[in-house]
Amino acid sequence: MKSALGEGTTPVVAVTDFMRIVPEQIASELPQRRFIALGTDGMGRSDTRDALRRFFDTDAANIVVAVLTSLIGTNGITAETVANAISSLGIDPEANYSLTRD
């Protein structure tokens, strides 16, 4: 895994249409990196893929917020930057849950 991602400390945001435990399995191999896993942790939902990705915070807007969150403290990215992105991308923080979990 380290040979594929290198030895740096660049954050990793791993996204899947499956349960987020799938990408979380590689997090222990990258202890020096901030690691955020996003996934569709639900079963029995029958909606469009776009609607499911929005519901489970794995759509493009939420991926942008995850990446910005992982970059807080670097390149001028602040919590305010993330808050502005959440607002401008139309994300309802009360409706989403993936980014608020550990």
PDB file of N, CA and C in Angstrom:
ATOM      1  N   MET A   1       0.824  -1.185   0.000  1.00  0.00           N
ATOM      2  CA  MET A   1       0.000   0.000   0.000  1.00  0.00           C
ATOM      3  C   MET A   1       0.870   1.250   0.000  1.00  0.00           C
ATOM      4  N   LYS A   2       1.903   1.253   0.831  1.00  0.00           N
ATOM      5  CA  LYS A   2       2.765   2.427   0.906  1.00  0.00           C
ATOM      6  C   LYS A   2       3.456   2.695  -0.421  1.00  0.00           C
ATOM      7  N   SER A   3       3.768   1.644  -1.153  1.00  0.00           N
ATOM      8  CA  SER A   3       4.424   1.862  -2.440  1.00  0.00           C
ATOM      9  C   SER A   3       3.468   2.509  -3.437  1.00  0.00           C
ATOM     10  N   ALA A   4       2.184   2.240  -3.324  1.00  0.00           N
ATOM     11  CA  ALA A   4       1.208   2.832  -4.234  1.00  0.00           C
ATOM     12  C   ALA A   4       0.933   4.292  -3.894  1.00  0.00           C
ATOM     13  N   LEU A   5       0.914   4.623  -2.597  1.00  0.00           N
ATOM     14  CA  LEU A   5       0.588   5.978  -2.178  1.00  0.00           C
ATOM     15  C   LEU A   5       1.802   6.805  -1.778  1.00  0.00           C
ATOM     16  N   GLY A   6       2.949   6.179  -1.686  1.00  0.00           N
ATOM     17  CA  GLY A   6       4.151   6.900  -1.300  1.00  0.00           C
ATOM     18  C   GLY A   6       4.289   7.015   0.199  1.00  0.00           C
ATOM     19  N   GLU A   7       5.383   7.612   0.614  1.00  0.00           N
ATOM     20  CA  GLU A   7       5.697   7.710   2.037  1.00  0.00           C
ATOM     21  C   GLU A   7       5.318   9.056   2.651  1.00  0.00           C
ATOM     22  N   GLY A   8       4.710   9.943   1.912  1.00  0.00           N
ATOM     23  CA  GLY A   8       4.411  11.284   2.400  1.00  0.00           C
ATOM     24  C   GLY A   8       3.366  11.331   3.493  1.00  0.00           C
ATOM     25  N   THR A   9       2.985  12.532   3.820  1.00  0.00           N
ATOM     26  CA  THR A   9       1.959  12.742   4.844  1.00  0.00           C
ATOM     27  C   THR A   9       0.693  13.377   4.268  1.00  0.00           C
ATOM     28  N   THR A  10       0.579  13.366   2.951  1.00  0.00           N
ATOM     29  CA  THR A  10      -0.601  13.930   2.304  1.00  0.00           C
ATOM     30  C   THR A  10      -1.852  13.192   2.785  1.00  0.00           C
ATOM     31  N   PRO A  11      -2.913  13.933   3.139  1.00  0.00           N
ATOM     32  CA  PRO A  11      -4.141  13.280   3.588  1.00  0.00           C
ATOM     33  C   PRO A  11      -4.742  12.395   2.491  1.00  0.00           C
ATOM     34  N   VAL A  12      -5.513  11.401   2.926  1.00  0.00           N
ATOM     35  CA  VAL A  12      -6.199  10.498   2.006  1.00  0.00           C
ATOM     36  C   VAL A  12      -7.693  10.584   2.283  1.00  0.00           C
ATOM     37  N   VAL A  13      -8.476  10.780   1.223  1.00  0.00           N
ATOM     38  CA  VAL A  13      -9.931  10.707   1.303  1.00  0.00           C
ATOM     39  C   VAL A  13     -10.340   9.561   0.398  1.00  0.00           C
ATOM     40  N   ALA A  14     -10.846   8.492   1.012  1.00  0.00           N
ATOM     41  CA  ALA A  14     -11.241   7.297   0.267  1.00  0.00           C
ATOM     42  C   ALA A  14     -12.767   7.224   0.233  1.00  0.00           C
ATOM     43  N   VAL A  15     -13.328   7.057  -0.965  1.00  0.00           N
ATOM     44  CA  VAL A  15     -14.776   7.080  -1.145  1.00  0.00           C
ATOM     45  C   VAL A  15     -15.209   5.820  -1.868  1.00  0.00           C
ATOM     46  N   THR A  16     -16.313   5.235  -1.395  1.00  0.00           N
ATOM     47  CA  THR A  16     -16.830   4.025  -2.021  1.00  0.00           C
ATOM     48  C   THR A  16     -18.357   4.044  -2.025  1.00  0.00           C
ATOM     49  N   ASP A  17     -18.939   3.299  -2.956  1.00  0.00           N
ATOM     50  CA  ASP A  17     -20.390   3.102  -2.956  1.00  0.00           C
ATOM     51  C   ASP A  17     -20.762   1.919  -2.068  1.00  0.00           C
ATOM     52  N   PHE A  18     -19.792   1.361  -1.388  1.00  0.00           N
ATOM     53  CA  PHE A  18     -20.020   0.280  -0.441  1.00  0.00           C
ATOM     54  C   PHE A  18     -19.869   0.840   0.968  1.00  0.00           C
ATOM     55  N   MET A  19     -19.911  -0.014   1.964  1.00  0.00           N
ATOM     56  CA  MET A  19     -19.744   0.431   3.339  1.00  0.00           C
ATOM     57  C   MET A  19     -18.356   1.033   3.527  1.00  0.00           C
ATOM     58  N   ARG A  20     -18.265   2.077   4.333  1.00  0.00           N
ATOM     59  CA  ARG A  20     -16.988   2.747   4.479  1.00  0.00           C
ATOM     60  C   ARG A  20     -15.948   1.899   5.201  1.00  0.00           C
ATOM     61  N   ILE A  21     -16.344   0.782   5.786  1.00  0.00           N
ATOM     62  CA  ILE A  21     -15.379  -0.122   6.398  1.00  0.00           C
ATOM     63  C   ILE A  21     -14.419  -0.672   5.344  1.00  0.00           C
ATOM     64  N   VAL A  22     -14.844  -0.697   4.083  1.00  0.00           N
ATOM     65  CA  VAL A  22     -13.972  -1.194   3.010  1.00  0.00           C
ATOM     66  C   VAL A  22     -12.716  -0.321   2.892  1.00  0.00           C
ATOM     67  N   PRO A  23     -12.840   0.996   2.671  1.00  0.00           N
ATOM     68  CA  PRO A  23     -11.609   1.788   2.619  1.00  0.00           C
ATOM     69  C   PRO A  23     -10.935   1.938   3.981  1.00  0.00           C
ATOM     70  N   GLU A  24     -11.695   1.851   5.070  1.00  0.00           N
ATOM     71  CA  GLU A  24     -11.094   1.977   6.401  1.00  0.00           C
ATOM     72  C   GLU A  24     -10.086   0.860   6.678  1.00  0.00           C
ATOM     73  N   GLN A  25     -10.184  -0.237   5.949  1.00  0.00           N
ATOM     74  CA  GLN A  25      -9.265  -1.342   6.163  1.00  0.00           C
ATOM     75  C   GLN A  25      -7.826  -0.982   5.808  1.00  0.00           C
ATOM     76  N   ILE A  26      -7.624   0.026   4.995  1.00  0.00           N
ATOM     77  CA  ILE A  26      -6.254   0.406   4.650  1.00  0.00           C
ATOM     78  C   ILE A  26      -5.724   1.541   5.521  1.00  0.00           C
ATOM     79  N   ALA A  27      -6.562   2.138   6.336  1.00  0.00           N
ATOM     80  CA  ALA A  27      -6.148   3.278   7.162  1.00  0.00           C
ATOM     81  C   ALA A  27      -4.992   2.907   8.081  1.00  0.00           C
ATOM     82  N   SER A  28      -4.995   1.723   8.644  1.00  0.00           N
ATOM     83  CA  SER A  28      -3.922   1.325   9.561  1.00  0.00           C
ATOM     84  C   SER A  28      -2.580   1.179   8.850  1.00  0.00           C
ATOM     85  N   GLU A  29      -2.602   1.035   7.543  1.00  0.00           N
ATOM     86  CA  GLU A  29      -1.366   0.940   6.767  1.00  0.00           C
ATOM     87  C   GLU A  29      -0.752   2.316   6.495  1.00  0.00           C
ATOM     88  N   LEU A  30      -1.498   3.356   6.817  1.00  0.00           N
ATOM     89  CA  LEU A  30      -1.054   4.731   6.554  1.00  0.00           C
ATOM     90  C   LEU A  30      -1.139   5.569   7.831  1.00  0.00           C
ATOM     91  N   PRO A  31      -0.471   5.144   8.903  1.00  0.00           N
ATOM     92  CA  PRO A  31      -0.632   5.829  10.190  1.00  0.00           C
ATOM     93  C   PRO A  31      -0.149   7.280  10.196  1.00  0.00           C
ATOM     94  N   GLN A  32       0.728   7.653   9.293  1.00  0.00           N
ATOM     95  CA  GLN A  32       1.257   9.005   9.270  1.00  0.00           C
ATOM     96  C   GLN A  32       0.347   9.977   8.523  1.00  0.00           C
ATOM     97  N   ARG A  33      -0.751   9.490   7.970  1.00  0.00           N
ATOM     98  CA  ARG A  33      -1.635  10.342   7.169  1.00  0.00           C
ATOM     99  C   ARG A  33      -2.988  10.535   7.845  1.00  0.00           C
ATOM    100  N   ARG A  34      -3.560  11.697   7.628  1.00  0.00           N
ATOM    101  CA  ARG A  34      -4.954  11.900   8.015  1.00  0.00           C
ATOM    102  C   ARG A  34      -5.787  11.115   7.013  1.00  0.00           C
ATOM    103  N   PHE A  35      -6.710  10.304   7.483  1.00  0.00           N
ATOM    104  CA  PHE A  35      -7.473   9.409   6.620  1.00  0.00           C
ATOM    105  C   PHE A  35      -8.961   9.609   6.872  1.00  0.00           C
ATOM    106  N   ILE A  36      -9.694   9.952   5.822  1.00  0.00           N
ATOM    107  CA  ILE A  36     -11.150  10.101   5.901  1.00  0.00           C
ATOM    108  C   ILE A  36     -11.772   9.099   4.939  1.00  0.00           C
ATOM    109  N   ALA A  37     -12.661   8.278   5.462  1.00  0.00           N
ATOM    110  CA  ALA A  37     -13.368   7.289   4.635  1.00  0.00           C
ATOM    111  C   ALA A  37     -14.836   7.682   4.531  1.00  0.00           C
ATOM    112  N   LEU A  38     -15.345   7.689   3.320  1.00  0.00           N
ATOM    113  CA  LEU A  38     -16.756   7.959   3.072  1.00  0.00           C
ATOM    114  C   LEU A  38     -17.350   6.740   2.390  1.00  0.00           C
ATOM    115  N   GLY A  39     -18.543   6.354   2.815  1.00  0.00           N
ATOM    116  CA  GLY A  39     -19.185   5.201   2.193  1.00  0.00           C
ATOM    117  C   GLY A  39     -20.668   5.190   2.459  1.00  0.00           C
ATOM    118  N   THR A  40     -21.368   4.329   1.770  1.00  0.00           N
ATOM    119  CA  THR A  40     -22.822   4.216   1.905  1.00  0.00           C
ATOM    120  C   THR A  40     -23.128   3.133   2.935  1.00  0.00           C
ATOM    121  N   ASP A  41     -23.169   3.525   4.194  1.00  0.00           N
ATOM    122  CA  ASP A  41     -23.342   2.586   5.302  1.00  0.00           C
ATOM    123  C   ASP A  41     -24.792   2.213   5.560  1.00  0.00           C
ATOM    124  N   GLY A  42     -25.537   1.959   4.542  1.00  0.00           N
ATOM    125  CA  GLY A  42     -26.928   1.584   4.741  1.00  0.00           C
ATOM    126  C   GLY A  42     -27.305   0.426   3.847  1.00  0.00           C
ATOM    127  N   MET A  43     -28.333  -0.263   4.253  1.00  0.00           N
ATOM    128  CA  MET A  43     -28.791  -1.399   3.454  1.00  0.00           C
ATOM    129  C   MET A  43     -30.280  -1.247   3.211  1.00  0.00           C
ATOM    130  N   GLY A  44     -30.734  -1.826   2.138  1.00  0.00           N
ATOM    131  CA  GLY A  44     -32.152  -1.862   1.859  1.00  0.00           C
ATOM    132  C   GLY A  44     -32.715  -0.590   1.258  1.00  0.00           C
ATOM    133  N   ARG A  45     -31.864   0.317   0.842  1.00  0.00           N
ATOM    134  CA  ARG A  45     -32.341   1.549   0.240  1.00  0.00           C
ATOM    135  C   ARG A  45     -32.477   1.331  -1.266  1.00  0.00           C
ATOM    136  N   SER A  46     -33.575   1.768  -1.819  1.00  0.00           N
ATOM    137  CA  SER A  46     -33.768   1.604  -3.261  1.00  0.00           C
ATOM    138  C   SER A  46     -34.103   2.958  -3.864  1.00  0.00           C
ATOM    139  N   ASP A  47     -33.070   3.700  -4.153  1.00  0.00           N
ATOM    140  CA  ASP A  47     -33.219   5.021  -4.727  1.00  0.00           C
ATOM    141  C   ASP A  47     -32.209   5.137  -5.856  1.00  0.00           C
ATOM    142  N   THR A  48     -32.169   6.259  -6.512  1.00  0.00           N
ATOM    143  CA  THR A  48     -31.175   6.450  -7.566  1.00  0.00           C
ATOM    144  C   THR A  48     -29.783   6.545  -6.941  1.00  0.00           C
ATOM    145  N   ARG A  49     -28.770   6.244  -7.711  1.00  0.00           N
ATOM    146  CA  ARG A  49     -27.396   6.317  -7.217  1.00  0.00           C
ATOM    147  C   ARG A  49     -27.065   7.742  -6.759  1.00  0.00           C
ATOM    148  N   ASP A  50     -27.505   8.749  -7.530  1.00  0.00           N
ATOM    149  CA  ASP A  50     -27.251  10.134  -7.145  1.00  0.00           C
ATOM    150  C   ASP A  50     -27.896  10.469  -5.798  1.00  0.00           C
ATOM    151  N   ALA A  51     -29.132  10.040  -5.601  1.00  0.00           N
ATOM    152  CA  ALA A  51     -29.826  10.311  -4.339  1.00  0.00           C
ATOM    153  C   ALA A  51     -29.151   9.592  -3.174  1.00  0.00           C
ATOM    154  N   LEU A  52     -28.718   8.361  -3.405  1.00  0.00           N
ATOM    155  CA  LEU A  52     -28.030   7.623  -2.342  1.00  0.00           C
ATOM    156  C   LEU A  52     -26.698   8.274  -1.993  1.00  0.00           C
ATOM    157  N   ARG A  53     -25.962   8.713  -3.001  1.00  0.00           N
ATOM    158  CA  ARG A  53     -24.677   9.371  -2.731  1.00  0.00           C
ATOM    159  C   ARG A  53     -24.893  10.656  -1.945  1.00  0.00           C
ATOM    160  N   ARG A  54     -25.925  11.399  -2.261  1.00  0.00           N
ATOM    161  CA  ARG A  54     -26.222  12.628  -1.508  1.00  0.00           C
ATOM    162  C   ARG A  54     -26.607  12.266  -0.076  1.00  0.00           C
ATOM    163  N   PHE A  55     -27.478  11.259   0.092  1.00  0.00           N
ATOM    164  CA  PHE A  55     -27.941  10.849   1.417  1.00  0.00           C
ATOM    165  C   PHE A  55     -26.781  10.400   2.304  1.00  0.00           C
ATOM    166  N   PHE A  56     -25.842   9.650   1.732  1.00  0.00           N
ATOM    167  CA  PHE A  56     -24.729   9.105   2.507  1.00  0.00           C
ATOM    168  C   PHE A  56     -23.462   9.965   2.431  1.00  0.00           C
ATOM    169  N   ASP A  57     -23.590  11.172   1.931  1.00  0.00           N
ATOM    170  CA  ASP A  57     -22.465  12.119   1.890  1.00  0.00           C
ATOM    171  C   ASP A  57     -21.297  11.639   1.044  1.00  0.00           C
ATOM    172  N   THR A  58     -21.583  10.926  -0.030  1.00  0.00           N
ATOM    173  CA  THR A  58     -20.510  10.474  -0.914  1.00  0.00           C
ATOM    174  C   THR A  58     -20.606  11.111  -2.295  1.00  0.00           C
ATOM    175  N   ASP A  59     -21.411  12.161  -2.418  1.00  0.00           N
ATOM    176  CA  ASP A  59     -21.512  12.867  -3.696  1.00  0.00           C
ATOM    177  C   ASP A  59     -20.355  13.860  -3.815  1.00  0.00           C
ATOM    178  N   ALA A  60     -20.247  14.479  -4.969  1.00  0.00           N
ATOM    179  CA  ALA A  60     -19.110  15.372  -5.251  1.00  0.00           C
ATOM    180  C   ALA A  60     -18.998  16.504  -4.237  1.00  0.00           C
ATOM    181  N   ALA A  61     -20.106  17.107  -3.859  1.00  0.00           N
ATOM    182  CA  ALA A  61     -20.061  18.231  -2.917  1.00  0.00           C
ATOM    183  C   ALA A  61     -19.483  17.800  -1.573  1.00  0.00           C
ATOM    184  N   ASN A  62     -19.909  16.658  -1.087  1.00  0.00           N
ATOM    185  CA  ASN A  62     -19.413  16.177   0.203  1.00  0.00           C
ATOM    186  C   ASN A  62     -17.966  15.698   0.122  1.00  0.00           C
ATOM    187  N   ILE A  63     -17.553  15.224  -1.033  1.00  0.00           N
ATOM    188  CA  ILE A  63     -16.149  14.851  -1.204  1.00  0.00           C
ATOM    189  C   ILE A  63     -15.276  16.102  -1.137  1.00  0.00           C
ATOM    190  N   VAL A  64     -15.734  17.186  -1.755  1.00  0.00           N
ATOM    191  CA  VAL A  64     -14.995  18.453  -1.676  1.00  0.00           C
ATOM    192  C   VAL A  64     -14.836  18.875  -0.216  1.00  0.00           C
ATOM    193  N   VAL A  65     -15.901  18.795   0.555  1.00  0.00           N
ATOM    194  CA  VAL A  65     -15.843  19.182   1.966  1.00  0.00           C
ATOM    195  C   VAL A  65     -14.897  18.257   2.739  1.00  0.00           C
ATOM    196  N   ALA A  66     -14.923  16.954   2.442  1.00  0.00           N
ATOM    197  CA  ALA A  66     -14.015  16.015   3.108  1.00  0.00           C
ATOM    198  C   ALA A  66     -12.561  16.356   2.798  1.00  0.00           C
ATOM    199  N   VAL A  67     -12.277  16.657   1.543  1.00  0.00           N
ATOM    200  CA  VAL A  67     -10.904  17.012   1.160  1.00  0.00           C
ATOM    201  C   VAL A  67     -10.481  18.299   1.865  1.00  0.00           C
ATOM    202  N   LEU A  68     -11.326  19.314   1.835  1.00  0.00           N
ATOM    203  CA  LEU A  68     -10.991  20.567   2.520  1.00  0.00           C
ATOM    204  C   LEU A  68     -10.786  20.331   4.016  1.00  0.00           C
ATOM    205  N   THR A  69     -11.629  19.506   4.624  1.00  0.00           N
ATOM    206  CA  THR A  69     -11.492  19.186   6.045  1.00  0.00           C
ATOM    207  C   THR A  69     -10.146  18.543   6.322  1.00  0.00           C
ATOM    208  N   SER A  70      -9.733  17.636   5.452  1.00  0.00           N
ATOM    209  CA  SER A  70      -8.450  16.962   5.650  1.00  0.00           C
ATOM    210  C   SER A  70      -7.270  17.905   5.491  1.00  0.00           C
ATOM    211  N   LEU A  71      -7.484  19.029   4.816  1.00  0.00           N
ATOM    212  CA  LEU A  71      -6.413  19.983   4.548  1.00  0.00           C
ATOM    213  C   LEU A  71      -6.381  21.179   5.504  1.00  0.00           C
ATOM    214  N   ILE A  72      -7.270  21.197   6.500  1.00  0.00           N
ATOM    215  CA  ILE A  72      -7.272  22.308   7.457  1.00  0.00           C
ATOM    216  C   ILE A  72      -5.877  22.433   8.063  1.00  0.00           C
ATOM    217  N   GLY A  73      -5.400  23.658   8.081  1.00  0.00           N
ATOM    218  CA  GLY A  73      -4.080  23.926   8.634  1.00  0.00           C
ATOM    219  C   GLY A  73      -2.972  23.927   7.595  1.00  0.00           C
ATOM    220  N   THR A  74      -3.325  23.643   6.350  1.00  0.00           N
ATOM    221  CA  THR A  74      -2.336  23.674   5.274  1.00  0.00           C
ATOM    222  C   THR A  74      -2.846  24.576   4.158  1.00  0.00           C
ATOM    223  N   ASN A  75      -1.931  25.153   3.433  1.00  0.00           N
ATOM    224  CA  ASN A  75      -2.278  25.952   2.250  1.00  0.00           C
ATOM    225  C   ASN A  75      -3.358  26.989   2.498  1.00  0.00           C
ATOM    226  N   GLY A  76      -3.422  27.515   3.698  1.00  0.00           N
ATOM    227  CA  GLY A  76      -4.403  28.544   4.013  1.00  0.00           C
ATOM    228  C   GLY A  76      -5.814  28.029   4.228  1.00  0.00           C
ATOM    229  N   ILE A  77      -6.006  26.717   4.300  1.00  0.00           N
ATOM    230  CA  ILE A  77      -7.337  26.139   4.517  1.00  0.00           C
ATOM    231  C   ILE A  77      -7.652  26.217   6.011  1.00  0.00           C
ATOM    232  N   THR A  78      -8.819  26.794   6.326  1.00  0.00           N
ATOM    233  CA  THR A  78      -9.251  26.946   7.715  1.00  0.00           C
ATOM    234  C   THR A  78     -10.639  26.326   7.887  1.00  0.00           C
ATOM    235  N   ALA A  79     -11.078  26.266   9.121  1.00  0.00           N
ATOM    236  CA  ALA A  79     -12.441  25.796   9.382  1.00  0.00           C
ATOM    237  C   ALA A  79     -13.454  26.706   8.692  1.00  0.00           C
ATOM    238  N   GLU A  80     -13.114  27.985   8.584  1.00  0.00           N
ATOM    239  CA  GLU A  80     -13.992  28.924   7.884  1.00  0.00           C
ATOM    240  C   GLU A  80     -14.085  28.570   6.395  1.00  0.00           C
ATOM    241  N   THR A  81     -12.982  28.131   5.805  1.00  0.00           N
ATOM    242  CA  THR A  81     -12.989  27.695   4.404  1.00  0.00           C
ATOM    243  C   THR A  81     -13.977  26.553   4.228  1.00  0.00           C
ATOM    244  N   VAL A  82     -13.937  25.603   5.155  1.00  0.00           N
ATOM    245  CA  VAL A  82     -14.841  24.452   5.097  1.00  0.00           C
ATOM    246  C   VAL A  82     -16.282  24.907   5.274  1.00  0.00           C
ATOM    247  N   ALA A  83     -16.531  25.778   6.231  1.00  0.00           N
ATOM    248  CA  ALA A  83     -17.893  26.286   6.457  1.00  0.00           C
ATOM    249  C   ALA A  83     -18.419  27.011   5.222  1.00  0.00           C
ATOM    250  N   ASN A  84     -17.567  27.790   4.589  1.00  0.00           N
ATOM    251  CA  ASN A  84     -17.981  28.490   3.363  1.00  0.00           C
ATOM    252  C   ASN A  84     -18.305  27.505   2.250  1.00  0.00           C
ATOM    253  N   ALA A  85     -17.523  26.447   2.132  1.00  0.00           N
ATOM    254  CA  ALA A  85     -17.783  25.422   1.108  1.00  0.00           C
ATOM    255  C   ALA A  85     -19.107  24.727   1.382  1.00  0.00           C
ATOM    256  N   ILE A  86     -19.352  24.386   2.630  1.00  0.00           N
ATOM    257  CA  ILE A  86     -20.612  23.730   2.995  1.00  0.00           C
ATOM    258  C   ILE A  86     -21.787  24.608   2.591  1.00  0.00           C
ATOM    259  N   SER A  87     -21.682  25.891   2.875  1.00  0.00           N
ATOM    260  CA  SER A  87     -22.753  26.827   2.533  1.00  0.00           C
ATOM    261  C   SER A  87     -22.905  26.979   1.020  1.00  0.00           C
ATOM    262  N   SER A  88     -21.797  27.212   0.335  1.00  0.00           N
ATOM    263  CA  SER A  88     -21.889  27.466  -1.111  1.00  0.00           C
ATOM    264  C   SER A  88     -22.271  26.229  -1.906  1.00  0.00           C
ATOM    265  N   LEU A  89     -21.998  25.044  -1.377  1.00  0.00           N
ATOM    266  CA  LEU A  89     -22.360  23.810  -2.084  1.00  0.00           C
ATOM    267  C   LEU A  89     -23.762  23.323  -1.722  1.00  0.00           C
ATOM    268  N   GLY A  90     -24.434  24.059  -0.844  1.00  0.00           N
ATOM    269  CA  GLY A  90     -25.814  23.719  -0.498  1.00  0.00           C
ATOM    270  C   GLY A  90     -25.949  22.482   0.363  1.00  0.00           C
ATOM    271  N   ILE A  91     -24.949  22.219   1.182  1.00  0.00           N
ATOM    272  CA  ILE A  91     -24.996  21.051   2.060  1.00  0.00           C
ATOM    273  C   ILE A  91     -25.688  21.443   3.362  1.00  0.00           C
ATOM    274  N   ASP A  92     -26.626  20.621   3.794  1.00  0.00           N
ATOM    275  CA  ASP A  92     -27.323  20.842   5.058  1.00  0.00           C
ATOM    276  C   ASP A  92     -26.604  20.019   6.120  1.00  0.00           C
ATOM    277  N   PRO A  93     -25.821  20.660   6.988  1.00  0.00           N
ATOM    278  CA  PRO A  93     -25.057  19.913   7.989  1.00  0.00           C
ATOM    279  C   PRO A  93     -25.933  19.078   8.921  1.00  0.00           C
ATOM    280  N   GLU A  94     -27.172  19.485   9.110  1.00  0.00           N
ATOM    281  CA  GLU A  94     -28.075  18.726   9.973  1.00  0.00           C
ATOM    282  C   GLU A  94     -28.557  17.431   9.312  1.00  0.00           C
ATOM    283  N   ALA A  95     -28.596  17.420   7.987  1.00  0.00           N
ATOM    284  CA  ALA A  95     -29.104  16.256   7.268  1.00  0.00           C
ATOM    285  C   ALA A  95     -28.028  15.211   7.015  1.00  0.00           C
ATOM    286  N   ASN A  96     -26.768  15.619   7.028  1.00  0.00           N
ATOM    287  CA  ASN A  96     -25.668  14.715   6.714  1.00  0.00           C
ATOM    288  C   ASN A  96     -25.009  14.211   7.988  1.00  0.00           C
ATOM    289  N   TYR A  97     -24.383  13.055   7.900  1.00  0.00           N
ATOM    290  CA  TYR A  97     -23.768  12.507   9.106  1.00  0.00           C
ATOM    291  C   TYR A  97     -22.372  11.973   8.891  1.00  0.00           C
ATOM    292  N   SER A  98     -21.948  11.691   7.698  1.00  0.00           N
ATOM    293  CA  SER A  98     -20.649  11.037   7.486  1.00  0.00           C
ATOM    294  C   SER A  98     -19.483  11.848   8.023  1.00  0.00           C
ATOM    295  N   LEU A  99     -19.445  13.152   7.787  1.00  0.00           N
ATOM    296  CA  LEU A  99     -18.296  13.947   8.185  1.00  0.00           C
ATOM    297  C   LEU A  99     -18.280  14.243   9.678  1.00  0.00           C
ATOM    298  N   THR A 100     -19.368  13.982  10.376  1.00  0.00           N
ATOM    299  CA  THR A 100     -19.392  14.260  11.799  1.00  0.00           C
ATOM    300  C   THR A 100     -19.028  13.039  12.624  1.00  0.00           C
ATOM    301  N   ARG A 101     -18.871  11.899  11.989  1.00  0.00           N
ATOM    302  CA  ARG A 101     -18.494  10.689  12.714  1.00  0.00           C
ATOM    303  C   ARG A 101     -16.988  10.563  12.743  1.00  0.00           C
ATOM    304  N   ASP A 102     -16.473   9.875  13.741  1.00  0.00           N
ATOM    305  CA  ASP A 102     -15.027   9.595  13.805  1.00  0.00           C
ATOM    306  C   ASP A 102     -14.670   8.484  12.850  1.00  0.00           C
TER     307      ASP A 102
END
